[in-house]
């Protein structure tokens, strides 16, 4: 009875309303629904998306696939990992041009100022002759989805600042204790440990400040800042570094590929993934395009580390521009240590193929730099 009374009251209320007021209420209701689906729903979807760790674990080989891969015979049919696109795209001029643009932007972003010693250390570390793979990946991903280089340059510089910060801290005596980086003495060897630590912190802070100068919508900027912040902390770089330290000297019988993958997906791959995702966000990519770029970059992030492990065992310090054989001396887990050099090289080919597959469907012209960058990472010799 009470329910019927309430329904009648509701109908009487609306029946007595002026048509203009009723129209106003209905208009507000429609606008509210439209606002939810165009603004709040995408934000909630991103807030509720799986963590980096969850997504990373699902990206590569399952335990069954690991066993099958390790037991499989050598793949004789796919010795060449170069693609047809690599033969037509002029990759070296492209890399030189992009690296020059990045270096100029970094030079302008970190002028010498007070405190002078800190700024000198920041410039010493970041303006050294690096490959600039991460910022170039950011720029190429932006252009892939239709954006412009200048729009993504602040984010590209931000990623390189954070990468350089991680190298400064990696080289410290309390971490990897390295004396050589990019063919030069490490930052703490030149400026001392205190200044090195402070310059790393300054680069981290500047990265976020600088990225916010990009001219994009507030919503996309918040999204980009969140992606970058999450890649650094306990779901990204810090998690990988912590696991790496705790794994030094671990017996091979106590560790497996899943353990090693966790380290490198977080320590190395996550920042390459973030660089590409930031470019796609800033370039105006759709959620689907950004996710495809993410999966591609996750593959080349792990690819980068597998190649790094192989080079550490097969090249000299002079060839690498950093101390060779350091992983073995520290008893670190590496891919050659767990699966051998031959299987590690086969894994490089598998990751290269997987990365290219994630790029299918994009414009062949716009995707060419990323295809060639994948080949460059797989074939690099330092």
Protein backbone atom coordinates (compact mmCIF):
# COMPACT_ATOMS: atom_id res chain seq x y z
CA UNK A 1 0.00 0.00 0.00
CA UNK A 2 2.78 2.37 0.97
CA UNK A 3 4.61 1.61 -2.29
CA UNK A 4 1.48 2.47 -4.37
CA UNK A 5 1.05 5.74 -2.47
CA UNK A 6 4.66 6.76 -3.17
CA UNK A 7 4.25 5.98 -6.89
CA UNK A 8 1.05 8.04 -7.06
CA UNK A 9 2.73 10.93 -5.28
CA UNK A 10 5.60 10.75 -7.79
CA UNK A 11 3.20 10.82 -10.76
CA UNK A 12 1.14 13.65 -9.25
CA UNK A 13 4.33 15.67 -8.62
CA UNK A 14 5.49 15.35 -12.23
CA UNK A 15 1.95 15.78 -13.55
CA UNK A 16 1.65 19.13 -11.79
CA UNK A 17 5.02 20.40 -13.03
CA UNK A 18 5.22 23.08 -15.65
CA UNK A 19 6.44 21.65 -19.00
CA UNK A 20 9.47 23.99 -18.92
CA UNK A 21 10.56 22.75 -15.47
CA UNK A 22 10.06 19.11 -16.45
CA UNK A 23 12.13 19.69 -19.58
CA UNK A 24 14.86 21.27 -17.45
CA UNK A 25 15.01 18.26 -15.10
CA UNK A 26 15.19 15.82 -18.00
CA UNK A 27 17.93 17.88 -19.66
CA UNK A 28 20.00 17.83 -16.46
CA UNK A 29 19.56 14.06 -16.20
CA UNK A 30 20.74 13.53 -19.81
CA UNK A 31 23.72 15.86 -19.31
CA UNK A 32 24.71 14.00 -16.11
CA UNK A 33 24.62 10.63 -17.90
CA UNK A 34 26.61 12.05 -20.79
CA UNK A 35 29.22 13.53 -18.39
CA UNK A 36 29.65 10.15 -16.67
CA UNK A 37 30.28 8.22 -19.87
CA UNK A 38 32.57 10.83 -21.45
CA UNK A 39 34.62 11.81 -18.40
CA UNK A 40 34.24 9.71 -15.27
CA UNK A 41 34.01 6.25 -16.84
CA UNK A 42 37.42 6.42 -18.65
CA UNK A 43 39.04 7.75 -15.48
CA UNK A 44 37.55 5.00 -13.33
CA UNK A 45 38.66 2.40 -15.88
CA UNK A 46 42.23 3.64 -15.66
CA UNK A 47 42.15 3.81 -11.85
CA UNK A 48 40.89 0.23 -11.68
CA UNK A 49 43.28 -1.19 -14.26
CA UNK A 50 45.64 -3.95 -13.04
CA UNK A 51 48.91 -2.95 -11.41
CA UNK A 52 52.15 -2.86 -13.38
CA UNK A 53 53.22 -6.08 -11.69
CA UNK A 54 50.02 -7.89 -12.66
CA UNK A 55 50.19 -6.68 -16.26
CA UNK A 56 53.90 -7.48 -16.52
CA UNK A 57 53.46 -11.03 -15.26
CA UNK A 58 50.85 -11.67 -17.93
CA UNK A 59 52.99 -10.28 -20.72
CA UNK A 60 55.58 -12.96 -21.28
CA UNK A 61 56.09 -16.69 -20.93
CA UNK A 62 53.98 -18.83 -18.61
CA UNK A 63 55.71 -21.55 -16.59
CA UNK A 64 54.59 -24.14 -19.15
CA UNK A 65 55.90 -21.99 -22.02
CA UNK A 66 59.22 -21.54 -20.19
CA UNK A 67 59.66 -25.30 -19.90
CA UNK A 68 58.73 -25.83 -23.56
CA UNK A 69 61.06 -23.04 -24.69
CA UNK A 70 64.04 -24.36 -22.72
CA UNK A 71 63.47 -27.91 -24.00
CA UNK A 72 62.85 -26.89 -27.62
CA UNK A 73 65.51 -27.52 -30.28
CA UNK A 74 67.44 -24.60 -31.77
CA UNK A 75 65.40 -22.61 -34.29
CA UNK A 76 67.36 -22.91 -37.49
CA UNK A 77 64.81 -21.17 -39.71
CA UNK A 78 64.88 -17.70 -38.17
CA UNK A 79 68.51 -16.67 -37.95
CA UNK A 80 67.94 -13.17 -39.32
CA UNK A 81 65.91 -10.85 -37.12
CA UNK A 82 66.00 -7.93 -39.55
CA UNK A 83 62.67 -7.14 -41.22
CA UNK A 84 61.83 -5.84 -44.69
CA UNK A 85 60.99 -2.44 -43.15
CA UNK A 86 64.58 -2.18 -41.87
CA UNK A 87 65.84 -2.34 -45.47
CA UNK A 88 63.75 0.63 -46.65
CA UNK A 89 63.70 2.89 -43.57
CA UNK A 90 66.81 5.04 -43.03
CA UNK A 91 67.19 4.34 -39.33
CA UNK A 92 70.64 5.81 -38.60
CA UNK A 93 69.79 9.31 -39.88
CA UNK A 94 66.49 9.10 -38.00
CA UNK A 95 68.23 8.21 -34.71
CA UNK A 96 70.87 10.90 -35.18
CA UNK A 97 68.24 13.55 -35.89
CA UNK A 98 66.05 12.57 -32.93
CA UNK A 99 69.03 12.26 -30.56
CA UNK A 100 70.22 15.71 -31.60
CA UNK A 101 66.78 17.17 -30.85
CA UNK A 102 66.68 15.41 -27.47
CA UNK A 103 70.20 16.55 -26.55
CA UNK A 104 69.35 20.15 -27.41
CA UNK A 105 66.18 19.99 -25.31
CA UNK A 106 68.07 18.47 -22.35
CA UNK A 107 70.76 21.14 -22.61
CA UNK A 108 68.11 23.86 -22.43
CA UNK A 109 66.20 22.14 -19.62
CA UNK A 110 69.22 22.02 -17.27
CA UNK A 111 71.16 25.30 -17.48
CA UNK A 112 74.03 25.92 -15.07
CA UNK A 113 72.77 27.69 -11.97
CA UNK A 114 72.83 27.63 -8.18
CA UNK A 115 73.82 25.38 -6.55
CA UNK A 116 76.50 25.17 -9.23
CA UNK A 117 77.99 21.84 -8.16
CA UNK A 118 74.63 20.09 -8.28
CA UNK A 119 73.78 21.49 -11.70
CA UNK A 120 77.22 20.56 -13.02
CA UNK A 121 76.77 16.98 -11.79
CA UNK A 122 73.29 16.78 -13.34
CA UNK A 123 74.61 17.99 -16.68
CA UNK A 124 77.67 15.73 -16.48
CA UNK A 125 75.48 12.66 -15.99
CA UNK A 126 72.69 13.41 -18.47
CA UNK A 127 74.64 15.03 -21.31
CA UNK A 128 77.07 12.09 -21.64
CA UNK A 129 76.91 10.20 -24.93
CA UNK A 130 73.90 7.97 -24.29
CA UNK A 131 71.86 6.14 -26.92
CA UNK A 132 68.67 8.10 -26.01
CA UNK A 133 66.56 5.01 -26.71
CA UNK A 134 63.89 5.94 -24.15
CA UNK A 135 63.23 9.53 -25.27
CA UNK A 136 63.30 8.51 -28.93
CA UNK A 137 60.82 5.74 -28.14
CA UNK A 138 58.58 8.37 -26.54
CA UNK A 139 58.77 10.65 -29.59
CA UNK A 140 58.21 7.81 -32.08
CA UNK A 141 55.16 6.55 -30.14
CA UNK A 142 53.68 10.05 -30.10
CA UNK A 143 54.09 10.33 -33.88
CA UNK A 144 52.73 6.80 -34.35
CA UNK A 145 49.30 7.87 -33.05
CA UNK A 146 49.29 11.19 -34.94
CA UNK A 147 51.01 13.55 -32.48
CA UNK A 148 53.89 15.96 -33.05
CA UNK A 149 57.49 15.69 -31.77
CA UNK A 150 57.45 19.04 -29.97
CA UNK A 151 54.38 18.00 -27.94
CA UNK A 152 56.13 14.90 -26.55
CA UNK A 153 59.61 16.42 -26.07
CA UNK A 154 59.05 17.47 -22.41
CA UNK A 155 57.96 13.92 -21.56
CA UNK A 156 60.87 12.45 -23.55
CA UNK A 157 63.30 14.59 -21.54
CA UNK A 158 61.55 13.66 -18.29
CA UNK A 159 62.01 9.95 -18.98
CA UNK A 160 65.72 10.49 -19.75
CA UNK A 161 66.14 12.48 -16.53
CA UNK A 162 64.66 9.63 -14.50
CA UNK A 163 66.73 7.05 -16.39
CA UNK A 164 69.89 9.06 -15.66
CA UNK A 165 68.89 9.36 -12.00
CA UNK A 166 68.59 5.57 -11.82
CA UNK A 167 72.05 5.15 -13.37
CA UNK A 168 73.61 7.55 -10.86
CA UNK A 169 72.12 5.58 -7.99
CA UNK A 170 72.91 2.18 -9.56
CA UNK A 171 76.60 3.12 -9.77
CA UNK A 172 76.95 4.14 -6.10
CA UNK A 173 79.19 2.02 -3.83
CA UNK A 174 76.16 0.93 -1.78
CA UNK A 175 74.51 -0.42 -4.95
CA UNK A 176 76.51 -1.78 -7.92
CA UNK A 177 79.71 0.12 -7.04
CA UNK A 178 80.67 0.98 -10.62
CA UNK A 179 83.42 3.32 -11.81
CA UNK A 180 82.54 3.61 -15.51
CA UNK A 181 79.36 4.74 -17.27
CA UNK A 182 78.91 5.77 -20.93
CA UNK A 183 82.66 5.65 -21.38
CA UNK A 184 83.33 8.14 -18.56
CA UNK A 185 83.96 7.96 -14.80
CA UNK A 186 80.67 7.64 -12.93
CA UNK A 187 79.13 10.72 -11.34
CA UNK A 188 80.08 9.86 -7.77
CA UNK A 189 83.70 9.28 -8.85
CA UNK A 190 83.88 12.82 -10.24
CA UNK A 191 81.73 14.78 -7.77
CA UNK A 192 81.60 12.55 -4.68
CA UNK A 193 78.78 10.42 -3.31
CA UNK A 194 76.89 13.26 -1.60
CA UNK A 195 76.67 15.44 -4.69
CA UNK A 196 75.81 12.40 -6.85
CA UNK A 197 72.87 11.48 -4.60
CA UNK A 198 71.59 15.06 -4.52
CA UNK A 199 71.93 15.47 -8.29
CA UNK A 200 69.92 12.28 -8.79
CA UNK A 201 67.18 13.62 -6.54
CA UNK A 202 67.21 16.92 -8.42
CA UNK A 203 66.81 15.12 -11.75
CA UNK A 204 63.86 13.16 -10.39
CA UNK A 205 62.13 16.33 -9.22
CA UNK A 206 62.90 18.23 -12.42
CA UNK A 207 61.49 15.38 -14.53
CA UNK A 208 57.95 15.95 -13.25
CA UNK A 209 58.26 19.73 -13.30
CA UNK A 210 59.51 19.68 -16.89
CA UNK A 211 56.90 17.22 -18.17
CA UNK A 212 54.08 19.49 -17.00
CA UNK A 213 55.20 22.12 -19.54
CA UNK A 214 53.73 19.94 -22.32
CA UNK A 215 50.69 21.56 -23.95
CA UNK A 216 48.06 18.86 -23.55
CA UNK A 217 44.68 18.60 -21.85
CA UNK A 218 44.63 18.51 -18.01
CA UNK A 219 43.12 15.01 -18.09
CA UNK A 220 45.91 13.62 -20.28
CA UNK A 221 48.55 15.38 -18.18
CA UNK A 222 47.23 13.78 -14.98
CA UNK A 223 47.21 10.42 -16.75
CA UNK A 224 50.81 10.90 -17.93
CA UNK A 225 52.05 12.02 -14.50
CA UNK A 226 50.39 9.01 -12.87
CA UNK A 227 52.00 6.61 -15.39
CA UNK A 228 55.44 8.12 -14.81
CA UNK A 229 55.16 8.18 -11.01
CA UNK A 230 53.97 4.57 -10.84
CA UNK A 231 56.89 3.38 -12.98
CA UNK A 232 59.45 4.67 -10.47
CA UNK A 233 58.25 3.43 -7.09
CA UNK A 234 57.50 0.09 -5.48
CA UNK A 235 55.58 -1.08 -8.56
CA UNK A 236 58.45 -0.20 -10.89
CA UNK A 237 62.12 0.72 -10.67
CA UNK A 238 62.39 0.47 -6.88
CA UNK A 239 60.78 -2.99 -6.84
CA UNK A 240 63.15 -4.28 -9.52
CA UNK A 241 66.23 -2.79 -7.89
CA UNK A 242 65.28 -4.15 -4.46
CA UNK A 243 64.73 -7.65 -5.85
CA UNK A 244 67.99 -7.40 -7.81
CA UNK A 245 69.97 -6.58 -4.67
CA UNK A 246 68.35 -9.33 -2.62
CA UNK A 247 69.06 -11.84 -5.40
CA UNK A 248 72.83 -11.39 -5.47
CA UNK A 249 74.52 -14.72 -4.81
CA UNK A 250 71.23 -16.65 -4.91
CA UNK A 251 71.67 -20.30 -5.86
CA UNK A 252 70.30 -21.14 -9.31
CA UNK A 253 68.22 -23.94 -7.80
CA UNK A 254 66.36 -21.33 -5.72
CA UNK A 255 65.56 -18.99 -8.62
CA UNK A 256 63.88 -19.33 -11.99
CA UNK A 257 62.99 -17.32 -15.05
CA UNK A 258 59.85 -15.94 -13.39
CA UNK A 259 62.02 -14.48 -10.61
CA UNK A 260 64.48 -12.99 -13.10
CA UNK A 261 61.67 -11.67 -15.28
CA UNK A 262 60.17 -9.86 -12.29
CA UNK A 263 63.49 -8.08 -11.71
CA UNK A 264 63.96 -6.93 -15.26
CA UNK A 265 60.34 -6.15 -16.09
CA UNK A 266 60.44 -3.73 -13.16
CA UNK A 267 64.04 -2.54 -13.22
CA UNK A 268 64.55 -2.09 -16.98
CA UNK A 269 61.43 -2.76 -19.03
CA UNK A 270 59.07 -0.56 -17.04
CA UNK A 271 60.76 2.72 -17.97
CA UNK A 272 60.91 1.80 -21.66
CA UNK A 273 57.23 0.86 -21.46
CA UNK A 274 56.41 4.14 -19.75
CA UNK A 275 58.35 6.16 -22.33
CA UNK A 276 56.26 4.68 -25.14
CA UNK A 277 52.97 5.00 -23.24
CA UNK A 278 53.65 8.66 -22.40
CA UNK A 279 54.26 9.38 -26.09
CA UNK A 280 50.99 7.69 -27.06
CA UNK A 281 49.03 9.51 -24.34
CA UNK A 282 50.43 12.91 -25.31
CA UNK A 283 49.97 12.15 -29.02
CA UNK A 284 46.23 11.71 -28.45
CA UNK A 285 46.09 7.94 -28.91
CA UNK A 286 42.93 6.00 -28.13
CA UNK A 287 42.82 3.59 -25.18
CA UNK A 288 43.21 0.67 -27.61
CA UNK A 289 46.21 2.24 -29.36
CA UNK A 290 47.89 3.07 -26.04
CA UNK A 291 47.44 -0.51 -24.82
CA UNK A 292 48.96 -1.92 -28.01
CA UNK A 293 51.90 0.46 -27.67
CA UNK A 294 52.25 -0.66 -24.03
CA UNK A 295 52.45 -4.35 -24.99
CA UNK A 296 54.98 -3.59 -27.73
CA UNK A 297 57.18 -1.56 -25.39
CA UNK A 298 57.01 -4.19 -22.67
CA UNK A 299 58.49 -6.69 -25.12
CA UNK A 300 61.35 -4.43 -26.20
CA UNK A 301 61.96 -3.50 -22.56
CA UNK A 302 62.68 -7.11 -21.68
CA UNK A 303 64.49 -7.53 -25.00
CA UNK A 304 66.82 -4.66 -24.02
CA UNK A 305 67.75 -6.41 -20.78
CA UNK A 306 68.30 -9.86 -22.31
CA UNK A 307 70.69 -8.29 -24.84
CA UNK A 308 72.36 -6.37 -22.00
CA UNK A 309 72.98 -9.64 -20.12
CA UNK A 310 74.47 -11.24 -23.24
CA UNK A 311 76.77 -8.26 -23.89
CA UNK A 312 77.94 -8.25 -20.27
CA UNK A 313 79.31 -11.75 -20.81
CA UNK A 314 80.63 -11.39 -24.35
CA UNK A 315 82.05 -7.83 -24.67
CA UNK A 316 84.93 -5.92 -23.07
CA UNK A 317 84.67 -2.77 -20.94
CA UNK A 318 86.19 -0.75 -23.79
CA UNK A 319 83.51 -1.98 -26.20
CA UNK A 320 80.63 -1.40 -23.77
CA UNK A 321 81.70 1.92 -22.27
CA UNK A 322 81.00 0.46 -18.82
CA UNK A 323 82.50 -2.27 -16.65
CA UNK A 324 82.04 -5.65 -18.35
CA UNK A 325 81.52 -8.86 -16.36
CA UNK A 326 80.13 -6.93 -13.40
CA UNK A 327 77.04 -9.15 -13.11
CA UNK A 328 79.18 -12.27 -12.74
CA UNK A 329 81.40 -10.65 -10.12
CA UNK A 330 78.38 -9.63 -8.03
CA UNK A 331 76.70 -13.00 -8.47
CA UNK A 332 73.64 -11.45 -10.12
CA UNK A 333 70.94 -13.46 -11.86
CA UNK A 334 71.14 -13.09 -15.64
CA UNK A 335 69.51 -14.77 -18.62
CA UNK A 336 72.74 -16.46 -19.81
CA UNK A 337 73.30 -17.71 -16.27
CA UNK A 338 69.83 -19.28 -16.10
CA UNK A 339 69.32 -20.50 -19.69
CA UNK A 340 72.76 -20.29 -21.34
CA UNK A 341 73.98 -18.00 -24.13
CA UNK A 342 72.37 -19.90 -27.02
CA UNK A 343 68.91 -19.98 -25.45
CA UNK A 344 69.29 -16.32 -24.48
CA UNK A 345 69.97 -15.44 -28.12
CA UNK A 346 66.90 -17.43 -29.17
CA UNK A 347 64.87 -15.55 -26.56
CA UNK A 348 66.04 -12.29 -28.19
CA UNK A 349 64.53 -13.49 -31.50
CA UNK A 350 61.27 -14.50 -29.84
CA UNK A 351 60.86 -11.14 -28.10
CA UNK A 352 61.70 -9.33 -31.35
CA UNK A 353 58.97 -11.22 -33.21
CA UNK A 354 56.45 -10.65 -30.41
CA UNK A 355 57.19 -6.91 -30.32
CA UNK A 356 56.60 -6.55 -34.06
CA UNK A 357 53.31 -8.43 -33.87
CA UNK A 358 51.94 -5.85 -31.42
CA UNK A 359 52.56 -3.12 -34.03
CA UNK A 360 50.46 -4.76 -36.71
CA UNK A 361 47.53 -2.60 -37.80
CA UNK A 362 49.30 0.75 -37.48
CA UNK A 363 50.29 2.78 -40.54
CA UNK A 364 53.34 1.13 -42.16
CA UNK A 365 54.96 4.53 -42.64
CA UNK A 366 54.49 5.68 -39.04
CA UNK A 367 55.41 2.31 -37.55
CA UNK A 368 58.71 1.99 -39.45
CA UNK A 369 60.83 3.83 -36.79
CA UNK A 370 59.57 1.52 -34.03
CA UNK A 371 60.14 -1.62 -36.10
CA UNK A 372 63.70 -0.47 -36.85
CA UNK A 373 64.23 0.53 -33.19
CA UNK A 374 63.29 -3.03 -32.18
CA UNK A 375 65.91 -4.40 -34.58
CA UNK A 376 68.46 -1.89 -33.27
CA UNK A 377 67.89 -3.01 -29.68
CA UNK A 378 68.12 -6.69 -30.65
CA UNK A 379 71.34 -6.21 -32.68
CA UNK A 380 73.13 -3.63 -30.53
CA UNK A 381 76.71 -4.37 -29.54
CA UNK A 382 77.13 -1.99 -26.60
